[in-house]
Amino acid sequence: LARREAATGTRADPAGSRGGGARHFLFCSSSLPIRHLDMYCAVAPEVLSNRGASGIDGILHAALGAALASPQGGCTCLVGDVAALHDLSALPALAAAAPPLTVVILNNGG
């Protein structure tokens, strides 16, 4: 990992090194986010994903469901910029439910 880190300047630890017994999920979008996870994550966290019509449909809604299923541990959603735009209708649901969810959007110009 150190060699890749030096070469690319990128490091991923999406699970956040959270100790304790609560399960924390990583919900990963298709395309670039899952590729980055595969390339840069030294220790594989428990990863959830879904597959929409193009692989980017409903990512935020699905991550909301994962977070609500694990209220003690929560969920981190790693999503690309275009996938996030495709699911903007999830924002009111996220605000209303206030789940233990962190959304990380990779802004790579779509």
PDB file of N, CA and C in Angstrom:
ATOM      1  N   LEU A   1       0.831  -1.197   0.000  1.00  0.00           N
ATOM      2  CA  LEU A   1       0.000   0.000   0.000  1.00  0.00           C
ATOM      3  C   LEU A   1       0.870   1.254   0.000  1.00  0.00           C
ATOM      4  N   ALA A   2       1.963   1.245   0.728  1.00  0.00           N
ATOM      5  CA  ALA A   2       2.799   2.440   0.809  1.00  0.00           C
ATOM      6  C   ALA A   2       3.325   2.844  -0.568  1.00  0.00           C
ATOM      7  N   ARG A   3       3.701   1.871  -1.397  1.00  0.00           N
ATOM      8  CA  ARG A   3       4.204   2.185  -2.729  1.00  0.00           C
ATOM      9  C   ARG A   3       3.107   2.821  -3.566  1.00  0.00           C
ATOM     10  N   ARG A   4       1.903   2.253  -3.528  1.00  0.00           N
ATOM     11  CA  ARG A   4       0.785   2.829  -4.291  1.00  0.00           C
ATOM     12  C   ARG A   4       0.470   4.224  -3.789  1.00  0.00           C
ATOM     13  N   GLU A   5       0.498   4.394  -2.479  1.00  0.00           N
ATOM     14  CA  GLU A   5       0.189   5.676  -1.881  1.00  0.00           C
ATOM     15  C   GLU A   5       1.164   6.744  -2.384  1.00  0.00           C
ATOM     16  N   ALA A   6       2.441   6.399  -2.385  1.00  0.00           N
ATOM     17  CA  ALA A   6       3.449   7.345  -2.837  1.00  0.00           C
ATOM     18  C   ALA A   6       3.289   7.651  -4.326  1.00  0.00           C
ATOM     19  N   ALA A   7       2.940   6.658  -5.103  1.00  0.00           N
ATOM     20  CA  ALA A   7       2.824   6.837  -6.547  1.00  0.00           C
ATOM     21  C   ALA A   7       1.583   7.630  -6.930  1.00  0.00           C
ATOM     22  N   THR A   8       0.499   7.461  -6.177  1.00  0.00           N
ATOM     23  CA  THR A   8      -0.759   8.077  -6.583  1.00  0.00           C
ATOM     24  C   THR A   8      -1.225   9.198  -5.674  1.00  0.00           C
ATOM     25  N   GLY A   9      -0.701   9.241  -4.448  1.00  0.00           N
ATOM     26  CA  GLY A   9      -1.181  10.232  -3.495  1.00  0.00           C
ATOM     27  C   GLY A   9      -2.547   9.887  -2.955  1.00  0.00           C
ATOM     28  N   THR A  10      -2.993   8.666  -3.153  1.00  0.00           N
ATOM     29  CA  THR A  10      -4.329   8.253  -2.748  1.00  0.00           C
ATOM     30  C   THR A  10      -4.244   7.185  -1.682  1.00  0.00           C
ATOM     31  N   ARG A  11      -5.062   7.311  -0.683  1.00  0.00           N
ATOM     32  CA  ARG A  11      -5.176   6.263   0.334  1.00  0.00           C
ATOM     33  C   ARG A  11      -6.631   6.192   0.752  1.00  0.00           C
ATOM     34  N   ALA A  12      -7.126   4.975   0.907  1.00  0.00           N
ATOM     35  CA  ALA A  12      -8.519   4.800   1.314  1.00  0.00           C
ATOM     36  C   ALA A  12      -8.582   3.926   2.544  1.00  0.00           C
ATOM     37  N   ASP A  13      -9.287   4.379   3.544  1.00  0.00           N
ATOM     38  CA  ASP A  13      -9.618   3.571   4.713  1.00  0.00           C
ATOM     39  C   ASP A  13     -11.082   3.862   5.005  1.00  0.00           C
ATOM     40  N   PRO A  14     -11.989   3.396   4.111  1.00  0.00           N
ATOM     41  CA  PRO A  14     -13.389   3.789   4.209  1.00  0.00           C
ATOM     42  C   PRO A  14     -14.064   3.368   5.492  1.00  0.00           C
ATOM     43  N   ALA A  15     -13.621   2.279   6.116  1.00  0.00           N
ATOM     44  CA  ALA A  15     -14.252   1.835   7.347  1.00  0.00           C
ATOM     45  C   ALA A  15     -13.833   2.706   8.519  1.00  0.00           C
ATOM     46  N   GLY A  16     -12.777   3.470   8.359  1.00  0.00           N
ATOM     47  CA  GLY A  16     -12.406   4.447   9.360  1.00  0.00           C
ATOM     48  C   GLY A  16     -11.778   3.878  10.610  1.00  0.00           C
ATOM     49  N   SER A  17     -11.305   2.650  10.602  1.00  0.00           N
ATOM     50  CA  SER A  17     -10.654   2.031  11.751  1.00  0.00           C
ATOM     51  C   SER A  17     -11.487   2.182  13.010  1.00  0.00           C
ATOM     52  N   ARG A  18     -12.741   1.855  12.912  1.00  0.00           N
ATOM     53  CA  ARG A  18     -13.645   1.989  14.052  1.00  0.00           C
ATOM     54  C   ARG A  18     -13.530   0.754  14.939  1.00  0.00           C
ATOM     55  N   GLY A  19     -13.178   0.950  16.169  1.00  0.00           N
ATOM     56  CA  GLY A  19     -13.124  -0.155  17.112  1.00  0.00           C
ATOM     57  C   GLY A  19     -14.514  -0.459  17.635  1.00  0.00           C
ATOM     58  N   GLY A  20     -14.590  -1.385  18.579  1.00  0.00           N
ATOM     59  CA  GLY A  20     -15.865  -1.686  19.208  1.00  0.00           C
ATOM     60  C   GLY A  20     -16.604  -2.792  18.494  1.00  0.00           C
ATOM     61  N   GLY A  21     -17.737  -3.164  19.059  1.00  0.00           N
ATOM     62  CA  GLY A  21     -18.465  -4.318  18.565  1.00  0.00           C
ATOM     63  C   GLY A  21     -19.537  -4.018  17.531  1.00  0.00           C
ATOM     64  N   ALA A  22     -19.920  -2.760  17.363  1.00  0.00           N
ATOM     65  CA  ALA A  22     -21.001  -2.445  16.429  1.00  0.00           C
ATOM     66  C   ALA A  22     -20.531  -2.653  14.997  1.00  0.00           C
ATOM     67  N   ARG A  23     -21.418  -3.196  14.173  1.00  0.00           N
ATOM     68  CA  ARG A  23     -21.085  -3.389  12.758  1.00  0.00           C
ATOM     69  C   ARG A  23     -21.228  -2.082  12.010  1.00  0.00           C
ATOM     70  N   HIS A  24     -20.200  -1.737  11.281  1.00  0.00           N
ATOM     71  CA  HIS A  24     -20.220  -0.552  10.440  1.00  0.00           C
ATOM     72  C   HIS A  24     -20.071  -1.028   9.002  1.00  0.00           C
ATOM     73  N   PHE A  25     -21.012  -0.649   8.165  1.00  0.00           N
ATOM     74  CA  PHE A  25     -20.992  -1.069   6.773  1.00  0.00           C
ATOM     75  C   PHE A  25     -20.352   0.003   5.897  1.00  0.00           C
ATOM     76  N   LEU A  26     -19.737  -0.444   4.832  1.00  0.00           N
ATOM     77  CA  LEU A  26     -19.322   0.449   3.760  1.00  0.00           C
ATOM     78  C   LEU A  26     -20.222   0.128   2.581  1.00  0.00           C
ATOM     79  N   PHE A  27     -20.963   1.122   2.133  1.00  0.00           N
ATOM     80  CA  PHE A  27     -21.805   0.940   0.957  1.00  0.00           C
ATOM     81  C   PHE A  27     -21.075   1.604  -0.196  1.00  0.00           C
ATOM     82  N   CYS A  28     -20.696   0.829  -1.181  1.00  0.00           N
ATOM     83  CA  CYS A  28     -19.842   1.324  -2.253  1.00  0.00           C
ATOM     84  C   CYS A  28     -20.572   1.308  -3.591  1.00  0.00           C
ATOM     85  N   SER A  29     -20.501   2.426  -4.271  1.00  0.00           N
ATOM     86  CA  SER A  29     -21.109   2.564  -5.595  1.00  0.00           C
ATOM     87  C   SER A  29     -20.289   1.821  -6.643  1.00  0.00           C
ATOM     88  N   SER A  30     -20.926   1.536  -7.746  1.00  0.00           N
ATOM     89  CA  SER A  30     -20.246   0.880  -8.866  1.00  0.00           C
ATOM     90  C   SER A  30     -19.259   1.836  -9.522  1.00  0.00           C
ATOM     91  N   SER A  31     -18.521   1.324 -10.457  1.00  0.00           N
ATOM     92  CA  SER A  31     -17.580   2.064 -11.286  1.00  0.00           C
ATOM     93  C   SER A  31     -16.338   2.461 -10.492  1.00  0.00           C
ATOM     94  N   LEU A  32     -15.966   3.733 -10.497  1.00  0.00           N
ATOM     95  CA  LEU A  32     -14.706   4.162  -9.916  1.00  0.00           C
ATOM     96  C   LEU A  32     -14.604   3.905  -8.403  1.00  0.00           C
ATOM     97  N   PRO A  33     -15.648   4.171  -7.597  1.00  0.00           N
ATOM     98  CA  PRO A  33     -15.504   3.919  -6.157  1.00  0.00           C
ATOM     99  C   PRO A  33     -15.132   2.470  -5.819  1.00  0.00           C
ATOM    100  N   ILE A  34     -15.769   1.517  -6.442  1.00  0.00           N
ATOM    101  CA  ILE A  34     -15.453   0.121  -6.128  1.00  0.00           C
ATOM    102  C   ILE A  34     -14.061  -0.247  -6.646  1.00  0.00           C
ATOM    103  N   ARG A  35     -13.650   0.356  -7.741  1.00  0.00           N
ATOM    104  CA  ARG A  35     -12.289   0.124  -8.253  1.00  0.00           C
ATOM    105  C   ARG A  35     -11.243   0.706  -7.302  1.00  0.00           C
ATOM    106  N   HIS A  36     -11.503   1.907  -6.787  1.00  0.00           N
ATOM    107  CA  HIS A  36     -10.584   2.498  -5.808  1.00  0.00           C
ATOM    108  C   HIS A  36     -10.504   1.638  -4.552  1.00  0.00           C
ATOM    109  N   LEU A  37     -11.617   1.165  -4.106  1.00  0.00           N
ATOM    110  CA  LEU A  37     -11.633   0.305  -2.929  1.00  0.00           C
ATOM    111  C   LEU A  37     -10.775  -0.936  -3.164  1.00  0.00           C
ATOM    112  N   ASP A  38     -10.921  -1.536  -4.312  1.00  0.00           N
ATOM    113  CA  ASP A  38     -10.150  -2.725  -4.638  1.00  0.00           C
ATOM    114  C   ASP A  38      -8.653  -2.421  -4.726  1.00  0.00           C
ATOM    115  N   MET A  39      -8.314  -1.259  -5.267  1.00  0.00           N
ATOM    116  CA  MET A  39      -6.902  -0.917  -5.474  1.00  0.00           C
ATOM    117  C   MET A  39      -6.206  -0.424  -4.210  1.00  0.00           C
ATOM    118  N   TYR A  40      -6.900   0.338  -3.360  1.00  0.00           N
ATOM    119  CA  TYR A  40      -6.220   1.064  -2.297  1.00  0.00           C
ATOM    120  C   TYR A  40      -6.567   0.641  -0.875  1.00  0.00           C
ATOM    121  N   CYS A  41      -7.563  -0.147  -0.669  1.00  0.00           N
ATOM    122  CA  CYS A  41      -7.961  -0.500   0.689  1.00  0.00           C
ATOM    123  C   CYS A  41      -7.125  -1.688   1.172  1.00  0.00           C
ATOM    124  N   ALA A  42      -6.292  -1.449   2.173  1.00  0.00           N
ATOM    125  CA  ALA A  42      -5.380  -2.485   2.671  1.00  0.00           C
ATOM    126  C   ALA A  42      -6.136  -3.617   3.359  1.00  0.00           C
ATOM    127  N   VAL A  43      -7.173  -3.291   4.087  1.00  0.00           N
ATOM    128  CA  VAL A  43      -7.980  -4.293   4.785  1.00  0.00           C
ATOM    129  C   VAL A  43      -9.412  -4.124   4.309  1.00  0.00           C
ATOM    130  N   ALA A  44      -9.981  -5.187   3.779  1.00  0.00           N
ATOM    131  CA  ALA A  44     -11.337  -5.106   3.230  1.00  0.00           C
ATOM    132  C   ALA A  44     -12.367  -5.000   4.350  1.00  0.00           C
ATOM    133  N   PRO A  45     -13.141  -3.921   4.372  1.00  0.00           N
ATOM    134  CA  PRO A  45     -14.229  -3.813   5.336  1.00  0.00           C
ATOM    135  C   PRO A  45     -15.424  -4.640   4.849  1.00  0.00           C
ATOM    136  N   GLU A  46     -16.472  -4.661   5.632  1.00  0.00           N
ATOM    137  CA  GLU A  46     -17.693  -5.320   5.179  1.00  0.00           C
ATOM    138  C   GLU A  46     -18.372  -4.387   4.174  1.00  0.00           C
ATOM    139  N   VAL A  47     -18.418  -4.823   2.920  1.00  0.00           N
ATOM    140  CA  VAL A  47     -18.888  -3.960   1.829  1.00  0.00           C
ATOM    141  C   VAL A  47     -20.253  -4.422   1.334  1.00  0.00           C
ATOM    142  N   LEU A  48     -21.138  -3.459   1.167  1.00  0.00           N
ATOM    143  CA  LEU A  48     -22.443  -3.697   0.548  1.00  0.00           C
ATOM    144  C   LEU A  48     -22.484  -2.893  -0.746  1.00  0.00           C
ATOM    145  N   SER A  49     -23.270  -3.359  -1.690  1.00  0.00           N
ATOM    146  CA  SER A  49     -23.420  -2.654  -2.951  1.00  0.00           C
ATOM    147  C   SER A  49     -24.720  -3.085  -3.600  1.00  0.00           C
ATOM    148  N   ASN A  50     -25.172  -2.339  -4.553  1.00  0.00           N
ATOM    149  CA  ASN A  50     -26.321  -2.776  -5.341  1.00  0.00           C
ATOM    150  C   ASN A  50     -26.042  -2.503  -6.807  1.00  0.00           C
ATOM    151  N   ARG A  51     -26.871  -3.001  -7.627  1.00  0.00           N
ATOM    152  CA  ARG A  51     -26.661  -2.872  -9.066  1.00  0.00           C
ATOM    153  C   ARG A  51     -27.963  -2.406  -9.697  1.00  0.00           C
ATOM    154  N   GLY A  52     -28.005  -1.134 -10.089  1.00  0.00           N
ATOM    155  CA  GLY A  52     -29.174  -0.596 -10.762  1.00  0.00           C
ATOM    156  C   GLY A  52     -29.077  -0.829 -12.255  1.00  0.00           C
ATOM    157  N   ALA A  53     -29.918  -0.142 -13.001  1.00  0.00           N
ATOM    158  CA  ALA A  53     -29.952  -0.317 -14.456  1.00  0.00           C
ATOM    159  C   ALA A  53     -28.584  -0.022 -15.083  1.00  0.00           C
ATOM    160  N   SER A  54     -27.931   1.021 -14.613  1.00  0.00           N
ATOM    161  CA  SER A  54     -26.596   1.354 -15.108  1.00  0.00           C
ATOM    162  C   SER A  54     -25.543   1.192 -14.026  1.00  0.00           C
ATOM    163  N   GLY A  55     -25.932   0.647 -12.907  1.00  0.00           N
ATOM    164  CA  GLY A  55     -25.011   0.476 -11.800  1.00  0.00           C
ATOM    165  C   GLY A  55     -24.929   1.679 -10.889  1.00  0.00           C
ATOM    166  N   ILE A  56     -25.647   2.750 -11.208  1.00  0.00           N
ATOM    167  CA  ILE A  56     -25.566   3.960 -10.392  1.00  0.00           C
ATOM    168  C   ILE A  56     -26.923   4.401  -9.851  1.00  0.00           C
ATOM    169  N   ASP A  57     -27.957   3.651 -10.115  1.00  0.00           N
ATOM    170  CA  ASP A  57     -29.303   4.057  -9.704  1.00  0.00           C
ATOM    171  C   ASP A  57     -29.566   3.703  -8.240  1.00  0.00           C
ATOM    172  N   GLY A  58     -30.045   4.655  -7.451  1.00  0.00           N
ATOM    173  CA  GLY A  58     -30.523   4.380  -6.105  1.00  0.00           C
ATOM    174  C   GLY A  58     -29.452   4.124  -5.062  1.00  0.00           C
ATOM    175  N   ILE A  59     -28.239   4.566  -5.289  1.00  0.00           N
ATOM    176  CA  ILE A  59     -27.145   4.299  -4.352  1.00  0.00           C
ATOM    177  C   ILE A  59     -27.414   4.941  -2.989  1.00  0.00           C
ATOM    178  N   LEU A  60     -27.799   6.207  -2.965  1.00  0.00           N
ATOM    179  CA  LEU A  60     -28.024   6.886  -1.691  1.00  0.00           C
ATOM    180  C   LEU A  60     -29.206   6.295  -0.932  1.00  0.00           C
ATOM    181  N   HIS A  61     -30.273   5.940  -1.646  1.00  0.00           N
ATOM    182  CA  HIS A  61     -31.414   5.289  -0.997  1.00  0.00           C
ATOM    183  C   HIS A  61     -31.010   3.941  -0.401  1.00  0.00           C
ATOM    184  N   ALA A  62     -30.231   3.172  -1.144  1.00  0.00           N
ATOM    185  CA  ALA A  62     -29.792   1.869  -0.644  1.00  0.00           C
ATOM    186  C   ALA A  62     -28.877   2.027   0.571  1.00  0.00           C
ATOM    187  N   ALA A  63     -27.989   3.016   0.547  1.00  0.00           N
ATOM    188  CA  ALA A  63     -27.109   3.273   1.693  1.00  0.00           C
ATOM    189  C   ALA A  63     -27.918   3.706   2.907  1.00  0.00           C
ATOM    190  N   LEU A  64     -28.979   4.477   2.683  1.00  0.00           N
ATOM    191  CA  LEU A  64     -29.877   4.861   3.770  1.00  0.00           C
ATOM    192  C   LEU A  64     -30.461   3.615   4.432  1.00  0.00           C
ATOM    193  N   GLY A  65     -30.899   2.659   3.634  1.00  0.00           N
ATOM    194  CA  GLY A  65     -31.430   1.404   4.184  1.00  0.00           C
ATOM    195  C   GLY A  65     -30.390   0.646   4.980  1.00  0.00           C
ATOM    196  N   ALA A  66     -29.149   0.607   4.494  1.00  0.00           N
ATOM    197  CA  ALA A  66     -28.072  -0.078   5.220  1.00  0.00           C
ATOM    198  C   ALA A  66     -27.795   0.612   6.552  1.00  0.00           C
ATOM    199  N   ALA A  67     -27.804   1.942   6.547  1.00  0.00           N
ATOM    200  CA  ALA A  67     -27.553   2.684   7.788  1.00  0.00           C
ATOM    201  C   ALA A  67     -28.673   2.456   8.795  1.00  0.00           C
ATOM    202  N   LEU A  68     -29.911   2.434   8.323  1.00  0.00           N
ATOM    203  CA  LEU A  68     -31.036   2.203   9.237  1.00  0.00           C
ATOM    204  C   LEU A  68     -31.049   0.776   9.782  1.00  0.00           C
ATOM    205  N   ALA A  69     -30.458  -0.160   9.024  1.00  0.00           N
ATOM    206  CA  ALA A  69     -30.375  -1.550   9.475  1.00  0.00           C
ATOM    207  C   ALA A  69     -29.285  -1.737  10.528  1.00  0.00           C
ATOM    208  N   SER A  70     -28.380  -0.791  10.639  1.00  0.00           N
ATOM    209  CA  SER A  70     -27.286  -0.879  11.609  1.00  0.00           C
ATOM    210  C   SER A  70     -27.177   0.428  12.384  1.00  0.00           C
ATOM    211  N   PRO A  71     -28.199   0.760  13.201  1.00  0.00           N
ATOM    212  CA  PRO A  71     -28.214   2.063  13.865  1.00  0.00           C
ATOM    213  C   PRO A  71     -27.070   2.271  14.858  1.00  0.00           C
ATOM    214  N   GLN A  72     -26.523   1.205  15.436  1.00  0.00           N
ATOM    215  CA  GLN A  72     -25.417   1.364  16.389  1.00  0.00           C
ATOM    216  C   GLN A  72     -24.098   1.556  15.652  1.00  0.00           C
ATOM    217  N   GLY A  73     -23.911   0.869  14.535  1.00  0.00           N
ATOM    218  CA  GLY A  73     -22.639   0.928  13.817  1.00  0.00           C
ATOM    219  C   GLY A  73     -22.627   1.951  12.706  1.00  0.00           C
ATOM    220  N   GLY A  74     -23.736   2.089  12.018  1.00  0.00           N
ATOM    221  CA  GLY A  74     -23.838   3.054  10.946  1.00  0.00           C
ATOM    222  C   GLY A  74     -23.276   2.572   9.624  1.00  0.00           C
ATOM    223  N   CYS A  75     -23.125   3.519   8.719  1.00  0.00           N
ATOM    224  CA  CYS A  75     -22.738   3.195   7.357  1.00  0.00           C
ATOM    225  C   CYS A  75     -21.995   4.374   6.746  1.00  0.00           C
ATOM    226  N   THR A  76     -20.997   4.056   5.949  1.00  0.00           N
ATOM    227  CA  THR A  76     -20.317   5.058   5.134  1.00  0.00           C
ATOM    228  C   THR A  76     -20.617   4.720   3.683  1.00  0.00           C
ATOM    229  N   CYS A  77     -21.063   5.695   2.925  1.00  0.00           N
ATOM    230  CA  CYS A  77     -21.380   5.489   1.515  1.00  0.00           C
ATOM    231  C   CYS A  77     -20.318   6.170   0.671  1.00  0.00           C
ATOM    232  N   LEU A  78     -19.657   5.392  -0.156  1.00  0.00           N
ATOM    233  CA  LEU A  78     -18.654   5.907  -1.085  1.00  0.00           C
ATOM    234  C   LEU A  78     -19.302   5.901  -2.469  1.00  0.00           C
ATOM    235  N   VAL A  79     -19.526   7.086  -3.027  1.00  0.00           N
ATOM    236  CA  VAL A  79     -20.302   7.209  -4.255  1.00  0.00           C
ATOM    237  C   VAL A  79     -19.623   8.210  -5.197  1.00  0.00           C
ATOM    238  N   GLY A  80     -19.747   7.971  -6.484  1.00  0.00           N
ATOM    239  CA  GLY A  80     -19.224   8.897  -7.480  1.00  0.00           C
ATOM    240  C   GLY A  80     -20.151  10.081  -7.683  1.00  0.00           C
ATOM    241  N   ASP A  81     -19.637  11.121  -8.319  1.00  0.00           N
ATOM    242  CA  ASP A  81     -20.422  12.339  -8.495  1.00  0.00           C
ATOM    243  C   ASP A  81     -21.657  12.132  -9.357  1.00  0.00           C
ATOM    244  N   VAL A  82     -21.555  11.380 -10.434  1.00  0.00           N
ATOM    245  CA  VAL A  82     -22.705  11.166 -11.311  1.00  0.00           C
ATOM    246  C   VAL A  82     -23.751  10.296 -10.616  1.00  0.00           C
ATOM    247  N   ALA A  83     -23.316   9.262  -9.905  1.00  0.00           N
ATOM    248  CA  ALA A  83     -24.258   8.404  -9.178  1.00  0.00           C
ATOM    249  C   ALA A  83     -24.995   9.213  -8.112  1.00  0.00           C
ATOM    250  N   ALA A  84     -24.291  10.126  -7.452  1.00  0.00           N
ATOM    251  CA  ALA A  84     -24.938  10.978  -6.448  1.00  0.00           C
ATOM    252  C   ALA A  84     -25.999  11.861  -7.107  1.00  0.00           C
ATOM    253  N   LEU A  85     -25.688  12.410  -8.279  1.00  0.00           N
ATOM    254  CA  LEU A  85     -26.661  13.246  -8.985  1.00  0.00           C
ATOM    255  C   LEU A  85     -27.896  12.454  -9.407  1.00  0.00           C
ATOM    256  N   HIS A  86     -27.695  11.187  -9.769  1.00  0.00           N
ATOM    257  CA  HIS A  86     -28.812  10.345 -10.182  1.00  0.00           C
ATOM    258  C   HIS A  86     -29.758  10.019  -9.031  1.00  0.00           C
ATOM    259  N   ASP A  87     -29.312  10.245  -7.797  1.00  0.00           N
ATOM    260  CA  ASP A  87     -30.137   9.879  -6.643  1.00  0.00           C
ATOM    261  C   ASP A  87     -30.340  11.063  -5.691  1.00  0.00           C
ATOM    262  N   LEU A  88     -30.371  12.277  -6.224  1.00  0.00           N
ATOM    263  CA  LEU A  88     -30.573  13.453  -5.375  1.00  0.00           C
ATOM    264  C   LEU A  88     -31.902  13.422  -4.639  1.00  0.00           C
ATOM    265  N   SER A  89     -32.862  12.695  -5.151  1.00  0.00           N
ATOM    266  CA  SER A  89     -34.162  12.622  -4.474  1.00  0.00           C
ATOM    267  C   SER A  89     -34.052  11.940  -3.115  1.00  0.00           C
ATOM    268  N   ALA A  90     -32.917  11.341  -2.806  1.00  0.00           N
ATOM    269  CA  ALA A  90     -32.718  10.708  -1.493  1.00  0.00           C
ATOM    270  C   ALA A  90     -32.439  11.736  -0.401  1.00  0.00           C
ATOM    271  N   LEU A  91     -32.029  12.945  -0.764  1.00  0.00           N
ATOM    272  CA  LEU A  91     -31.633  13.933   0.244  1.00  0.00           C
ATOM    273  C   LEU A  91     -32.736  14.252   1.251  1.00  0.00           C
ATOM    274  N   PRO A  92     -33.997  14.462   0.842  1.00  0.00           N
ATOM    275  CA  PRO A  92     -35.043  14.690   1.844  1.00  0.00           C
ATOM    276  C   PRO A  92     -35.236  13.487   2.780  1.00  0.00           C
ATOM    277  N   ALA A  93     -35.124  12.293   2.248  1.00  0.00           N
ATOM    278  CA  ALA A  93     -35.262  11.100   3.095  1.00  0.00           C
ATOM    279  C   ALA A  93     -34.109  11.007   4.086  1.00  0.00           C
ATOM    280  N   LEU A  94     -32.913  11.347   3.634  1.00  0.00           N
ATOM    281  CA  LEU A  94     -31.750  11.340   4.533  1.00  0.00           C
ATOM    282  C   LEU A  94     -31.931  12.370   5.647  1.00  0.00           C
ATOM    283  N   ALA A  95     -32.424  13.534   5.294  1.00  0.00           N
ATOM    284  CA  ALA A  95     -32.634  14.584   6.289  1.00  0.00           C
ATOM    285  C   ALA A  95     -33.711  14.190   7.292  1.00  0.00           C
ATOM    286  N   ALA A  96     -34.770  13.575   6.814  1.00  0.00           N
ATOM    287  CA  ALA A  96     -35.878  13.187   7.704  1.00  0.00           C
ATOM    288  C   ALA A  96     -35.499  12.035   8.626  1.00  0.00           C
ATOM    289  N   ALA A  97     -34.777  11.059   8.106  1.00  0.00           N
ATOM    290  CA  ALA A  97     -34.441   9.873   8.896  1.00  0.00           C
ATOM    291  C   ALA A  97     -33.247  10.104   9.809  1.00  0.00           C
ATOM    292  N   ALA A  98     -32.367  11.031   9.444  1.00  0.00           N
ATOM    293  CA  ALA A  98     -31.137  11.309  10.183  1.00  0.00           C
ATOM    294  C   ALA A  98     -30.417  10.020  10.579  1.00  0.00           C
ATOM    295  N   PRO A  99     -30.118   9.177   9.590  1.00  0.00           N
ATOM    296  CA  PRO A  99     -29.479   7.902   9.899  1.00  0.00           C
ATOM    297  C   PRO A  99     -28.003   8.085  10.249  1.00  0.00           C
ATOM    298  N   PRO A 100     -27.391   7.072  10.856  1.00  0.00           N
ATOM    299  CA  PRO A 100     -25.948   7.135  11.103  1.00  0.00           C
ATOM    300  C   PRO A 100     -25.200   6.857   9.801  1.00  0.00           C
ATOM    301  N   LEU A 101     -25.217   7.838   8.904  1.00  0.00           N
ATOM    302  CA  LEU A 101     -24.677   7.657   7.565  1.00  0.00           C
ATOM    303  C   LEU A 101     -23.742   8.817   7.213  1.00  0.00           C
ATOM    304  N   THR A 102     -22.575   8.462   6.713  1.00  0.00           N
ATOM    305  CA  THR A 102     -21.640   9.441   6.174  1.00  0.00           C
ATOM    306  C   THR A 102     -21.554   9.192   4.676  1.00  0.00           C
ATOM    307  N   VAL A 103     -21.777  10.231   3.876  1.00  0.00           N
ATOM    308  CA  VAL A 103     -21.713  10.102   2.429  1.00  0.00           C
ATOM    309  C   VAL A 103     -20.436  10.788   1.948  1.00  0.00           C
ATOM    310  N   VAL A 104     -19.615  10.030   1.236  1.00  0.00           N
ATOM    311  CA  VAL A 104     -18.382  10.547   0.646  1.00  0.00           C
ATOM    312  C   VAL A 104     -18.571  10.526  -0.863  1.00  0.00           C
ATOM    313  N   ILE A 105     -18.547  11.706  -1.487  1.00  0.00           N
ATOM    314  CA  ILE A 105     -18.748  11.805  -2.931  1.00  0.00           C
ATOM    315  C   ILE A 105     -17.391  12.046  -3.602  1.00  0.00           C
ATOM    316  N   LEU A 106     -17.048  11.149  -4.531  1.00  0.00           N
ATOM    317  CA  LEU A 106     -15.822  11.310  -5.294  1.00  0.00           C
ATOM    318  C   LEU A 106     -16.125  12.225  -6.482  1.00  0.00           C
ATOM    319  N   ASN A 107     -15.604  13.408  -6.463  1.00  0.00           N
ATOM    320  CA  ASN A 107     -15.838  14.366  -7.538  1.00  0.00           C
ATOM    321  C   ASN A 107     -14.707  14.241  -8.551  1.00  0.00           C
ATOM    322  N   ASN A 108     -14.931  13.396  -9.540  1.00  0.00           N
ATOM    323  CA  ASN A 108     -13.895  13.186 -10.546  1.00  0.00           C
ATOM    324  C   ASN A 108     -14.338  13.664 -11.930  1.00  0.00           C
ATOM    325  N   GLY A 109     -15.323  14.529 -11.953  1.00  0.00           N
ATOM    326  CA  GLY A 109     -15.779  15.101 -13.206  1.00  0.00           C
ATOM    327  C   GLY A 109     -16.654  14.171 -14.029  1.00  0.00           C
ATOM    328  N   GLY A 110     -17.254  13.185 -13.364  1.00  0.00           N
ATOM    329  CA  GLY A 110     -18.206  12.288 -13.988  1.00  0.00           C
ATOM    330  C   GLY A 110     -17.622  11.403 -14.991  1.00  0.00           C
TER     331      GLY A 110
END
